[in-house]
Structure formats: C-alpha cells, structure tokens
C-alpha cells in the first residue's frame, strides 16, 4: 500500500466541434437598413451649378472693376474674342478653387446650400479636400463638364454620377434640415 502510485488524472477530451448548419443562400442579398441617402436630381444639381457660376462671375466683375483703375484689364468670361490663355486659366483656377474650398469645408457650395444638396463620400461621410479637388476638376472647365455629365448619363444610367464623381468616389445627396431628435421648435403667433 505504501508504494501505490496514484493513477494519473485523465482529462476529458474536448467534445468535437459541432459542424455549422448550412443555411441556404437567399435569392436576394440582404439590404442594410442603416443610413439612407437620397441622391439629388440632375436638375437640382444643374441649378446649384448655375447659381455658383453666376456668383463667381459677379465676383470676377467686382474684382475687374477694382483692378480697372490700375490698368489691369480682366476680360469677361463671355468675351471670348478678347479672352487670352492667361485670362481663361485664371477663370478656371478661380472656379476650381471656389468649389474645392467650399465643398471640402461643408460639402456644399453656395448653390448647393440654397438647394439643400451636398457632396459626400459614398458612405455619407464628409469629403476631404483632396477628394473635393478631384470632384471639382470636372466642373471648373465647362466643355469638360459637358462631357463629364454626358458620359455619366450614357455609361452609368440611373446612378446619378458624373465621371468625376465616380473617380473621386463621391455622390451628391439631398440634405434634410429637420429638428434634432427630442427638440421641438415653437413659433410665436404674428
């Protein structure tokens, strides 16, 4: 009895892992019901662009009026006969900078603010300034914008994307200015 060696403790072997049950794949992929983004109409985007063009031209006319006493002549955008390469390049640069700065800051130019639309990444997040610069390239040069939209309409129907939207991975969505959750605005009677 004194020389009895205790029997080694046997550990229970792990239970075999159960095989996962195979679930038949659904016919249609499941749609995530997370954030819903409503794409802006082409007509709304056009009107926002026209508002921006008018504002930029007004700004350029004011700058031209200020610079006229200094004998530095800026030709108007529609004065194609006198428009040199330098003048044309300055106009394109101003258009490009306008859209890049405004859309990288809040995703909206003034025209987009007026019409409640915004440029966002495809997941709905705010765009970075480099993304805004890529997206703005197509709008700054009017002949390029025409081709940009035409290719978008024909090659990507139903997506409401321009080529430069596709390249920059952005979309233009409607914005909604509703009251935040839990807050109700009460108007005084007038």
N, C-alpha and C. Protein backbone atom coordinates (compact mmCIF):
# COMPACT_ATOMS: atom_id res chain seq x y z
N UNK A 1 0.79 -1.18 0.00
CA UNK A 1 0.00 0.00 0.00
C UNK A 1 0.84 1.26 0.00
N UNK A 2 2.00 1.16 0.61
CA UNK A 2 2.80 2.34 0.70
C UNK A 2 3.38 2.71 -0.65
N UNK A 3 3.61 1.70 -1.48
CA UNK A 3 4.20 2.00 -2.78
C UNK A 3 3.17 2.24 -3.87
N UNK A 4 1.97 2.52 -3.50
CA UNK A 4 0.94 2.75 -4.54
C UNK A 4 1.17 4.07 -5.23
N UNK A 5 1.14 4.05 -6.46
CA UNK A 5 1.29 5.27 -7.26
C UNK A 5 -0.11 5.71 -7.67
N UNK A 6 -0.35 6.97 -7.39
CA UNK A 6 -1.69 7.42 -7.76
C UNK A 6 -1.86 7.39 -9.28
N UNK A 7 -2.99 7.02 -9.68
CA UNK A 7 -3.30 6.96 -11.11
C UNK A 7 -3.32 8.37 -11.68
N UNK A 8 -2.72 8.53 -12.86
CA UNK A 8 -2.72 9.87 -13.44
C UNK A 8 -4.15 10.32 -13.74
N UNK A 9 -4.35 11.60 -13.46
CA UNK A 9 -5.67 12.16 -13.71
C UNK A 9 -5.88 12.28 -15.21
N UNK A 10 -6.96 11.77 -15.65
CA UNK A 10 -7.25 11.85 -17.08
C UNK A 10 -8.13 13.06 -17.34
N UNK A 11 -7.71 13.81 -18.28
CA UNK A 11 -8.51 14.99 -18.64
C UNK A 11 -9.51 14.56 -19.69
N UNK A 12 -10.70 15.06 -19.53
CA UNK A 12 -11.68 14.69 -20.53
C UNK A 12 -11.28 15.30 -21.88
N UNK A 13 -11.43 14.54 -22.90
CA UNK A 13 -11.09 15.04 -24.23
C UNK A 13 -12.15 16.05 -24.66
N UNK A 14 -11.70 17.07 -25.37
CA UNK A 14 -12.69 18.07 -25.78
C UNK A 14 -13.73 17.45 -26.70
N UNK A 15 -14.93 18.00 -26.56
CA UNK A 15 -16.03 17.50 -27.38
C UNK A 15 -15.78 17.93 -28.81
N UNK A 16 -16.10 17.09 -29.74
CA UNK A 16 -15.89 17.50 -31.14
C UNK A 16 -16.75 18.71 -31.45
N UNK A 17 -16.17 19.63 -32.19
CA UNK A 17 -16.89 20.85 -32.56
C UNK A 17 -18.05 20.48 -33.47
N UNK A 18 -19.15 21.11 -33.16
CA UNK A 18 -20.34 20.85 -33.98
C UNK A 18 -20.16 21.52 -35.33
N UNK A 19 -20.53 20.85 -36.36
CA UNK A 19 -20.43 21.43 -37.68
C UNK A 19 -21.52 22.49 -37.84
N UNK A 20 -21.13 23.64 -38.41
CA UNK A 20 -22.16 24.66 -38.60
C UNK A 20 -23.22 24.17 -39.59
N UNK A 21 -24.42 24.54 -39.26
CA UNK A 21 -25.51 24.14 -40.15
C UNK A 21 -25.48 25.02 -41.38
N UNK A 22 -25.68 24.42 -42.49
CA UNK A 22 -25.68 25.18 -43.74
C UNK A 22 -27.04 25.82 -43.93
N UNK A 23 -26.98 27.12 -44.12
CA UNK A 23 -28.20 27.89 -44.34
C UNK A 23 -28.29 28.18 -45.82
N UNK A 24 -29.40 27.93 -46.43
CA UNK A 24 -29.50 28.22 -47.87
C UNK A 24 -29.37 29.72 -48.11
N UNK A 25 -28.65 30.07 -49.16
CA UNK A 25 -28.46 31.47 -49.51
C UNK A 25 -29.78 32.05 -50.00
N UNK A 26 -30.10 33.27 -49.57
CA UNK A 26 -31.34 33.88 -50.05
C UNK A 26 -31.20 34.24 -51.53
N UNK A 27 -32.34 34.37 -52.17
CA UNK A 27 -32.34 34.74 -53.59
C UNK A 27 -31.82 36.16 -53.79
N UNK A 28 -32.16 37.06 -52.89
CA UNK A 28 -31.75 38.46 -52.98
C UNK A 28 -30.81 38.76 -51.83
N UNK A 29 -29.78 39.57 -52.03
CA UNK A 29 -28.89 39.92 -50.92
C UNK A 29 -29.65 40.77 -49.89
N UNK A 30 -29.29 40.62 -48.64
CA UNK A 30 -29.94 41.38 -47.58
C UNK A 30 -29.53 42.84 -47.72
N UNK A 31 -30.47 43.74 -47.56
CA UNK A 31 -30.21 45.17 -47.66
C UNK A 31 -30.05 45.71 -46.25
N UNK A 32 -28.96 46.41 -46.04
CA UNK A 32 -28.72 47.01 -44.74
C UNK A 32 -29.67 48.19 -44.58
N UNK A 33 -30.30 48.24 -43.46
CA UNK A 33 -31.24 49.35 -43.20
C UNK A 33 -30.59 50.41 -42.32
N UNK A 34 -29.30 50.70 -42.56
CA UNK A 34 -28.58 51.71 -41.79
C UNK A 34 -28.99 53.10 -42.25
N UNK A 35 -28.03 53.85 -42.70
CA UNK A 35 -28.25 55.21 -43.13
C UNK A 35 -28.84 55.22 -44.54
N UNK A 36 -29.86 56.03 -44.76
CA UNK A 36 -30.48 56.16 -46.08
C UNK A 36 -30.07 57.50 -46.68
N UNK A 37 -29.48 57.46 -47.85
CA UNK A 37 -29.07 58.66 -48.55
C UNK A 37 -29.91 58.81 -49.81
N UNK A 38 -30.48 59.98 -50.01
CA UNK A 38 -31.31 60.25 -51.18
C UNK A 38 -30.49 61.05 -52.18
N UNK A 39 -30.26 60.47 -53.36
CA UNK A 39 -29.47 61.13 -54.38
C UNK A 39 -30.21 62.35 -54.94
N UNK A 40 -29.45 63.40 -55.18
CA UNK A 40 -30.03 64.64 -55.72
C UNK A 40 -30.35 64.46 -57.20
N UNK A 41 -31.37 65.15 -57.66
CA UNK A 41 -31.76 65.09 -59.07
C UNK A 41 -30.75 65.86 -59.92
N UNK A 42 -30.65 65.46 -61.18
CA UNK A 42 -29.77 66.16 -62.12
C UNK A 42 -30.18 67.63 -62.24
N UNK A 43 -31.47 67.89 -62.29
CA UNK A 43 -31.94 69.27 -62.46
C UNK A 43 -31.56 70.13 -61.26
N UNK A 44 -31.65 69.58 -60.06
CA UNK A 44 -31.27 70.33 -58.86
C UNK A 44 -29.78 70.63 -58.88
N UNK A 45 -28.99 69.66 -59.31
CA UNK A 45 -27.55 69.86 -59.40
C UNK A 45 -27.20 70.93 -60.44
N UNK A 46 -27.93 70.95 -61.56
CA UNK A 46 -27.70 71.95 -62.60
C UNK A 46 -28.00 73.35 -62.08
N UNK A 47 -29.13 73.50 -61.37
CA UNK A 47 -29.48 74.81 -60.83
C UNK A 47 -28.46 75.29 -59.80
N UNK A 48 -27.97 74.39 -58.97
CA UNK A 48 -26.94 74.75 -58.00
C UNK A 48 -25.67 75.21 -58.72
N UNK A 49 -25.29 74.50 -59.79
CA UNK A 49 -24.12 74.88 -60.57
C UNK A 49 -24.32 76.26 -61.20
N UNK A 50 -25.51 76.52 -61.75
CA UNK A 50 -25.78 77.83 -62.36
C UNK A 50 -25.71 78.95 -61.33
N UNK A 51 -26.24 78.72 -60.13
CA UNK A 51 -26.15 79.73 -59.05
C UNK A 51 -24.68 80.02 -58.75
N UNK A 52 -23.88 78.97 -58.65
CA UNK A 52 -22.45 79.15 -58.38
C UNK A 52 -21.76 79.92 -59.49
N UNK A 53 -22.05 79.57 -60.75
CA UNK A 53 -21.44 80.27 -61.89
C UNK A 53 -21.79 81.75 -61.86
N UNK A 54 -23.05 82.07 -61.61
CA UNK A 54 -23.48 83.48 -61.56
C UNK A 54 -22.75 84.22 -60.44
N UNK A 55 -22.64 83.59 -59.27
CA UNK A 55 -21.94 84.23 -58.15
C UNK A 55 -20.46 84.45 -58.46
N UNK A 56 -19.83 83.48 -59.09
CA UNK A 56 -18.41 83.62 -59.42
C UNK A 56 -18.21 84.72 -60.46
N UNK A 57 -19.09 84.77 -61.46
CA UNK A 57 -18.98 85.82 -62.48
C UNK A 57 -19.20 87.20 -61.86
N UNK A 58 -20.15 87.31 -60.94
CA UNK A 58 -20.34 88.59 -60.24
C UNK A 58 -19.08 88.98 -59.47
N UNK A 59 -18.49 88.01 -58.78
CA UNK A 59 -17.25 88.26 -58.04
C UNK A 59 -16.14 88.72 -58.98
N UNK A 60 -16.00 88.04 -60.12
CA UNK A 60 -14.96 88.41 -61.08
C UNK A 60 -15.20 89.80 -61.65
N UNK A 61 -16.47 90.18 -61.85
CA UNK A 61 -16.77 91.52 -62.33
C UNK A 61 -16.42 92.58 -61.29
N UNK A 62 -16.65 92.27 -60.02
CA UNK A 62 -16.28 93.21 -58.95
C UNK A 62 -14.76 93.38 -58.90
N UNK A 63 -14.04 92.26 -58.98
CA UNK A 63 -12.57 92.32 -58.98
C UNK A 63 -12.08 93.07 -60.21
N UNK A 64 -12.69 92.85 -61.35
CA UNK A 64 -12.31 93.56 -62.57
C UNK A 64 -12.52 95.07 -62.41
N UNK A 65 -13.65 95.45 -61.78
CA UNK A 65 -13.91 96.87 -61.54
C UNK A 65 -12.90 97.49 -60.59
N UNK A 66 -12.45 96.73 -59.61
CA UNK A 66 -11.45 97.24 -58.68
C UNK A 66 -10.09 97.39 -59.36
N UNK A 67 -9.76 96.46 -60.24
CA UNK A 67 -8.45 96.47 -60.90
C UNK A 67 -8.38 97.40 -62.12
N UNK A 68 -9.53 97.86 -62.62
CA UNK A 68 -9.54 98.71 -63.82
C UNK A 68 -8.76 100.01 -63.63
N UNK A 69 -8.87 100.70 -62.50
CA UNK A 69 -8.05 101.92 -62.34
C UNK A 69 -6.54 101.64 -62.34
N UNK A 70 -6.17 100.40 -62.07
CA UNK A 70 -4.74 100.05 -62.07
C UNK A 70 -4.26 99.64 -63.46
N UNK A 71 -5.11 99.84 -64.48
CA UNK A 71 -4.82 99.48 -65.87
C UNK A 71 -4.54 97.99 -66.06
N UNK A 72 -5.15 97.19 -65.23
CA UNK A 72 -5.06 95.74 -65.43
C UNK A 72 -6.44 95.28 -65.84
N UNK A 73 -6.56 94.88 -67.07
CA UNK A 73 -7.85 94.55 -67.66
C UNK A 73 -8.12 93.06 -67.54
N UNK A 74 -9.20 92.69 -66.88
CA UNK A 74 -9.68 91.30 -66.86
C UNK A 74 -10.85 91.23 -67.83
N UNK A 75 -10.76 90.36 -68.80
CA UNK A 75 -11.85 90.22 -69.76
C UNK A 75 -12.92 89.33 -69.16
N UNK A 76 -14.15 89.64 -69.52
CA UNK A 76 -15.27 88.85 -69.03
C UNK A 76 -15.25 87.46 -69.65
N UNK A 77 -15.83 86.52 -68.96
CA UNK A 77 -15.83 85.13 -69.40
C UNK A 77 -16.52 84.97 -70.76
N UNK A 78 -17.55 85.77 -71.00
CA UNK A 78 -18.30 85.65 -72.25
C UNK A 78 -17.65 86.44 -73.39
N UNK A 79 -16.58 87.19 -73.10
CA UNK A 79 -15.87 87.97 -74.12
C UNK A 79 -14.79 87.08 -74.73
N UNK A 80 -15.23 86.07 -75.47
CA UNK A 80 -14.33 85.03 -75.98
C UNK A 80 -13.32 85.61 -76.97
N UNK A 81 -13.68 86.63 -77.71
CA UNK A 81 -12.78 87.21 -78.70
C UNK A 81 -11.53 87.81 -78.08
N UNK A 82 -11.66 88.39 -76.89
CA UNK A 82 -10.52 89.02 -76.22
C UNK A 82 -9.94 88.15 -75.11
N UNK A 83 -10.52 87.00 -74.91
CA UNK A 83 -10.11 86.14 -73.80
C UNK A 83 -8.83 85.39 -74.18
N UNK A 84 -7.75 85.73 -73.52
CA UNK A 84 -6.48 85.06 -73.79
C UNK A 84 -6.33 83.82 -72.92
N UNK A 85 -5.26 83.11 -73.18
CA UNK A 85 -5.00 81.89 -72.42
C UNK A 85 -4.81 82.20 -70.94
N UNK A 86 -4.15 83.31 -70.62
CA UNK A 86 -3.94 83.69 -69.23
C UNK A 86 -5.27 83.97 -68.53
N UNK A 87 -6.12 84.77 -69.19
CA UNK A 87 -7.42 85.10 -68.60
C UNK A 87 -8.26 83.84 -68.41
N UNK A 88 -8.26 82.98 -69.40
CA UNK A 88 -9.02 81.73 -69.33
C UNK A 88 -8.51 80.85 -68.19
N UNK A 89 -7.20 80.78 -68.03
CA UNK A 89 -6.60 79.98 -66.97
C UNK A 89 -6.94 80.53 -65.59
N UNK A 90 -6.94 81.83 -65.45
CA UNK A 90 -7.30 82.45 -64.17
C UNK A 90 -8.75 82.15 -63.82
N UNK A 91 -9.65 82.24 -64.80
CA UNK A 91 -11.06 81.93 -64.56
C UNK A 91 -11.24 80.48 -64.11
N UNK A 92 -10.58 79.56 -64.81
CA UNK A 92 -10.67 78.14 -64.45
C UNK A 92 -10.13 77.92 -63.04
N UNK A 93 -9.02 78.56 -62.72
CA UNK A 93 -8.43 78.41 -61.39
C UNK A 93 -9.38 78.93 -60.30
N UNK A 94 -10.03 80.05 -60.55
CA UNK A 94 -10.97 80.61 -59.58
C UNK A 94 -12.17 79.67 -59.41
N UNK A 95 -12.73 79.15 -60.51
CA UNK A 95 -13.83 78.20 -60.42
C UNK A 95 -13.41 76.97 -59.61
N UNK A 96 -12.24 76.43 -59.95
CA UNK A 96 -11.73 75.23 -59.28
C UNK A 96 -11.54 75.47 -57.78
N UNK A 97 -10.91 76.59 -57.43
CA UNK A 97 -10.68 76.89 -56.01
C UNK A 97 -11.99 77.12 -55.26
N UNK A 98 -12.94 77.78 -55.88
CA UNK A 98 -14.25 78.02 -55.25
C UNK A 98 -14.89 76.69 -54.84
N UNK A 99 -15.03 75.77 -55.79
CA UNK A 99 -15.69 74.50 -55.47
C UNK A 99 -14.86 73.65 -54.52
N UNK A 100 -13.55 73.65 -54.69
CA UNK A 100 -12.71 72.84 -53.81
C UNK A 100 -12.80 73.33 -52.36
N UNK A 101 -12.68 74.62 -52.15
CA UNK A 101 -12.71 75.17 -50.78
C UNK A 101 -14.08 74.97 -50.15
N UNK A 102 -15.14 75.37 -50.83
CA UNK A 102 -16.47 75.26 -50.24
C UNK A 102 -16.88 73.81 -50.00
N UNK A 103 -16.65 72.95 -50.97
CA UNK A 103 -17.12 71.57 -50.83
C UNK A 103 -16.25 70.75 -49.89
N UNK A 104 -15.00 71.14 -49.69
CA UNK A 104 -14.19 70.42 -48.71
C UNK A 104 -14.53 70.87 -47.29
N UNK A 105 -15.04 72.08 -47.15
CA UNK A 105 -15.36 72.59 -45.82
C UNK A 105 -16.65 71.98 -45.28
N UNK A 106 -17.74 72.09 -46.01
CA UNK A 106 -19.03 71.58 -45.55
C UNK A 106 -19.71 70.67 -46.56
N UNK A 107 -19.06 70.41 -47.68
CA UNK A 107 -19.67 69.58 -48.71
C UNK A 107 -20.65 70.35 -49.57
N UNK A 108 -20.71 71.68 -49.38
CA UNK A 108 -21.69 72.48 -50.11
C UNK A 108 -21.07 73.78 -50.61
N UNK A 109 -21.33 74.08 -51.87
CA UNK A 109 -21.06 75.42 -52.38
C UNK A 109 -22.29 76.26 -52.04
N UNK A 110 -22.26 77.52 -52.38
CA UNK A 110 -23.42 78.37 -52.07
C UNK A 110 -24.65 77.90 -52.82
N UNK A 111 -24.50 77.51 -54.08
CA UNK A 111 -25.63 76.98 -54.85
C UNK A 111 -26.21 75.72 -54.22
N UNK A 112 -25.35 74.85 -53.73
CA UNK A 112 -25.82 73.63 -53.07
C UNK A 112 -26.52 73.96 -51.75
N UNK A 113 -26.02 74.97 -51.02
CA UNK A 113 -26.68 75.38 -49.78
C UNK A 113 -28.10 75.86 -50.06
N UNK A 114 -28.25 76.65 -51.11
CA UNK A 114 -29.56 77.20 -51.46
C UNK A 114 -30.54 76.08 -51.80
N UNK A 115 -30.06 75.04 -52.48
CA UNK A 115 -30.95 73.97 -52.96
C UNK A 115 -30.92 72.72 -52.09
N UNK A 116 -30.29 72.80 -50.91
CA UNK A 116 -30.27 71.71 -49.93
C UNK A 116 -29.72 70.40 -50.50
N UNK A 117 -28.56 70.48 -51.13
CA UNK A 117 -27.87 69.28 -51.57
C UNK A 117 -26.43 69.36 -51.07
N UNK A 118 -25.75 68.24 -51.06
CA UNK A 118 -24.39 68.18 -50.51
C UNK A 118 -23.59 67.08 -51.20
N UNK A 119 -22.28 67.28 -51.31
CA UNK A 119 -21.37 66.27 -51.83
C UNK A 119 -20.80 65.51 -50.63
N UNK A 120 -20.91 64.19 -50.67
CA UNK A 120 -20.39 63.35 -49.59
C UNK A 120 -19.68 62.14 -50.20
N UNK A 121 -18.92 61.44 -49.37
CA UNK A 121 -18.37 60.16 -49.80
C UNK A 121 -19.52 59.20 -50.00
N UNK A 122 -19.26 58.08 -50.64
CA UNK A 122 -20.34 57.13 -50.93
C UNK A 122 -20.97 56.56 -49.68
N UNK A 123 -20.27 56.59 -48.55
CA UNK A 123 -20.86 56.11 -47.31
C UNK A 123 -21.55 57.22 -46.52
N UNK A 124 -21.60 58.43 -47.07
CA UNK A 124 -22.31 59.53 -46.43
C UNK A 124 -21.44 60.39 -45.54
N UNK A 125 -20.16 60.11 -45.44
CA UNK A 125 -19.27 60.90 -44.60
C UNK A 125 -18.75 62.13 -45.35
N UNK A 126 -18.22 63.07 -44.58
CA UNK A 126 -17.69 64.32 -45.13
C UNK A 126 -16.48 64.03 -46.02
N UNK A 127 -16.38 64.78 -47.11
CA UNK A 127 -15.26 64.57 -48.03
C UNK A 127 -14.04 65.36 -47.58
N UNK A 128 -12.87 64.87 -47.95
CA UNK A 128 -11.59 65.50 -47.66
C UNK A 128 -11.29 66.50 -48.78
N UNK A 129 -10.38 67.43 -48.53
CA UNK A 129 -10.11 68.45 -49.55
C UNK A 129 -9.52 67.86 -50.82
N UNK A 130 -8.75 66.79 -50.73
CA UNK A 130 -8.23 66.19 -51.97
C UNK A 130 -9.35 65.56 -52.79
N UNK A 131 -10.31 64.97 -52.10
CA UNK A 131 -11.48 64.40 -52.79
C UNK A 131 -12.28 65.52 -53.44
N UNK A 132 -12.44 66.63 -52.71
CA UNK A 132 -13.17 67.78 -53.27
C UNK A 132 -12.44 68.33 -54.50
N UNK A 133 -11.11 68.33 -54.48
CA UNK A 133 -10.35 68.83 -55.62
C UNK A 133 -10.55 67.94 -56.84
N UNK A 134 -10.52 66.64 -56.64
CA UNK A 134 -10.73 65.72 -57.77
C UNK A 134 -12.14 65.89 -58.32
N UNK A 135 -13.13 65.97 -57.43
CA UNK A 135 -14.53 66.09 -57.84
C UNK A 135 -14.78 67.42 -58.55
N UNK A 136 -14.05 68.47 -58.16
CA UNK A 136 -14.25 69.81 -58.73
C UNK A 136 -13.59 70.00 -60.09
N UNK A 137 -12.66 69.14 -60.44
CA UNK A 137 -11.98 69.28 -61.73
C UNK A 137 -12.96 69.28 -62.90
N UNK A 138 -13.95 68.42 -62.84
CA UNK A 138 -14.90 68.32 -63.94
C UNK A 138 -15.83 69.51 -64.07
N UNK A 139 -16.05 70.23 -62.96
CA UNK A 139 -16.97 71.37 -63.01
C UNK A 139 -16.30 72.67 -63.41
N UNK A 140 -15.01 72.78 -63.21
CA UNK A 140 -14.31 74.04 -63.42
C UNK A 140 -14.17 74.41 -64.89
N UNK A 141 -14.08 73.42 -65.76
CA UNK A 141 -13.92 73.67 -67.20
C UNK A 141 -15.23 73.25 -67.88
N UNK A 142 -15.96 74.20 -68.42
CA UNK A 142 -17.31 73.94 -68.92
C UNK A 142 -17.36 72.86 -70.00
N UNK A 143 -16.47 72.85 -71.02
CA UNK A 143 -16.54 71.75 -72.00
C UNK A 143 -16.29 70.38 -71.36
N UNK A 144 -15.41 70.32 -70.37
CA UNK A 144 -15.15 69.06 -69.67
C UNK A 144 -16.40 68.63 -68.89
N UNK A 145 -17.09 69.61 -68.28
CA UNK A 145 -18.31 69.30 -67.54
C UNK A 145 -19.37 68.69 -68.46
N UNK A 146 -19.49 69.23 -69.67
CA UNK A 146 -20.45 68.69 -70.62
C UNK A 146 -20.16 67.22 -70.91
N UNK A 147 -18.90 66.91 -71.20
CA UNK A 147 -18.52 65.51 -71.46
C UNK A 147 -18.65 64.66 -70.20
N UNK A 148 -18.31 65.24 -69.06
CA UNK A 148 -18.40 64.54 -67.78
C UNK A 148 -19.84 64.08 -67.51
N UNK A 149 -20.79 64.97 -67.70
CA UNK A 149 -22.20 64.63 -67.49
C UNK A 149 -22.72 63.68 -68.56
N UNK A 150 -22.36 63.93 -69.81
CA UNK A 150 -22.84 63.09 -70.91
C UNK A 150 -22.38 61.65 -70.73
N UNK A 151 -21.12 61.45 -70.40
CA UNK A 151 -20.62 60.10 -70.16
C UNK A 151 -21.31 59.48 -68.96
N UNK A 152 -21.54 60.28 -67.92
CA UNK A 152 -22.25 59.78 -66.75
C UNK A 152 -23.65 59.32 -67.08
N UNK A 153 -24.38 60.10 -67.86
CA UNK A 153 -25.76 59.74 -68.24
C UNK A 153 -25.79 58.48 -69.09
N UNK A 154 -24.86 58.39 -70.06
CA UNK A 154 -24.89 57.28 -71.00
C UNK A 154 -24.23 56.01 -70.47
N UNK A 155 -23.10 56.14 -69.82
CA UNK A 155 -22.34 54.96 -69.39
C UNK A 155 -22.79 54.44 -68.03
N UNK A 156 -23.34 55.31 -67.19
CA UNK A 156 -23.76 54.89 -65.84
C UNK A 156 -25.20 55.31 -65.59
N UNK A 157 -26.15 54.84 -66.38
CA UNK A 157 -27.53 55.30 -66.23
C UNK A 157 -28.11 54.90 -64.88
N UNK A 158 -28.89 55.80 -64.32
CA UNK A 158 -29.57 55.51 -63.06
C UNK A 158 -28.72 55.73 -61.82
N UNK A 159 -27.42 55.99 -61.98
CA UNK A 159 -26.56 56.17 -60.81
C UNK A 159 -26.49 57.62 -60.36
N UNK A 160 -26.85 58.55 -61.24
CA UNK A 160 -26.76 59.99 -60.99
C UNK A 160 -25.33 60.41 -60.65
N UNK A 161 -24.37 59.79 -61.34
CA UNK A 161 -22.96 60.10 -61.14
C UNK A 161 -22.37 60.71 -62.39
N UNK A 162 -21.52 61.71 -62.19
CA UNK A 162 -20.66 62.18 -63.27
C UNK A 162 -19.40 61.32 -63.22
N UNK A 163 -18.58 61.41 -64.25
CA UNK A 163 -17.33 60.64 -64.27
C UNK A 163 -16.44 61.05 -63.09
N UNK A 164 -16.35 62.35 -62.83
CA UNK A 164 -15.50 62.81 -61.73
C UNK A 164 -16.09 62.46 -60.37
N UNK A 165 -17.39 62.24 -60.27
CA UNK A 165 -17.96 61.68 -59.03
C UNK A 165 -17.47 60.25 -58.85
N UNK A 166 -17.47 59.51 -59.93
CA UNK A 166 -17.05 58.11 -59.89
C UNK A 166 -15.56 58.01 -59.54
N UNK A 167 -14.75 58.87 -60.15
CA UNK A 167 -13.31 58.85 -59.88
C UNK A 167 -13.02 59.23 -58.42
N UNK A 168 -13.72 60.23 -57.91
CA UNK A 168 -13.48 60.70 -56.53
C UNK A 168 -14.26 59.91 -55.49
N UNK A 169 -15.09 58.97 -55.95
CA UNK A 169 -15.88 58.12 -55.04
C UNK A 169 -16.84 58.97 -54.19
N UNK A 170 -17.51 59.93 -54.83
CA UNK A 170 -18.45 60.80 -54.14
C UNK A 170 -19.83 60.70 -54.77
N UNK A 171 -20.83 61.17 -54.03
CA UNK A 171 -22.20 61.28 -54.52
C UNK A 171 -22.76 62.62 -54.07
N UNK A 172 -23.80 63.07 -54.72
CA UNK A 172 -24.49 64.30 -54.33
C UNK A 172 -25.84 63.88 -53.78
N UNK A 173 -26.10 64.27 -52.53
CA UNK A 173 -27.32 63.84 -51.84
C UNK A 173 -28.15 65.04 -51.41
N UNK A 174 -29.43 64.76 -51.18
CA UNK A 174 -30.31 65.77 -50.62
C UNK A 174 -29.99 65.89 -49.13
N UNK A 175 -30.07 67.10 -48.61
CA UNK A 175 -29.89 67.29 -47.18
C UNK A 175 -31.24 67.56 -46.56
N UNK A 176 -31.36 67.25 -45.30
CA UNK A 176 -32.63 67.39 -44.62
C UNK A 176 -32.42 68.23 -43.38
N UNK A 177 -33.07 69.37 -43.32
CA UNK A 177 -32.92 70.26 -42.18
C UNK A 177 -34.12 70.12 -41.25
N UNK A 178 -34.20 68.96 -40.61
CA UNK A 178 -35.25 68.73 -39.63
C UNK A 178 -34.74 69.07 -38.25
N UNK A 179 -35.68 69.19 -37.32
CA UNK A 179 -35.29 69.42 -35.94
C UNK A 179 -34.56 68.19 -35.42
N UNK A 180 -33.55 68.40 -34.58
CA UNK A 180 -32.87 67.25 -33.98
C UNK A 180 -33.83 66.45 -33.10
N UNK A 181 -33.52 65.19 -32.87
CA UNK A 181 -34.38 64.33 -32.04
C UNK A 181 -34.57 64.95 -30.66
N UNK A 182 -35.80 64.97 -30.21
CA UNK A 182 -36.11 65.45 -28.87
C UNK A 182 -36.30 66.96 -28.77
N UNK A 183 -36.17 67.69 -29.87
CA UNK A 183 -36.31 69.15 -29.84
C UNK A 183 -37.48 69.54 -30.73
N UNK A 184 -38.34 70.41 -30.20
CA UNK A 184 -39.48 70.90 -30.96
C UNK A 184 -39.38 72.43 -30.97
N UNK A 185 -39.48 73.01 -32.17
CA UNK A 185 -39.46 74.47 -32.30
C UNK A 185 -40.90 74.98 -32.25
N UNK A 186 -41.12 76.02 -31.45
CA UNK A 186 -42.44 76.62 -31.34
C UNK A 186 -42.33 78.05 -31.87
N UNK A 187 -43.22 78.39 -32.81
CA UNK A 187 -43.21 79.72 -33.40
C UNK A 187 -44.24 80.59 -32.70
N UNK A 188 -43.87 81.85 -32.45
CA UNK A 188 -44.82 82.80 -31.88
C UNK A 188 -45.81 83.21 -32.96
N UNK A 189 -47.03 83.50 -32.53
CA UNK A 189 -48.02 83.99 -33.50
C UNK A 189 -47.70 85.42 -33.84
N UNK A 190 -47.84 85.75 -35.11
CA UNK A 190 -47.54 87.12 -35.54
C UNK A 190 -48.79 87.89 -35.78
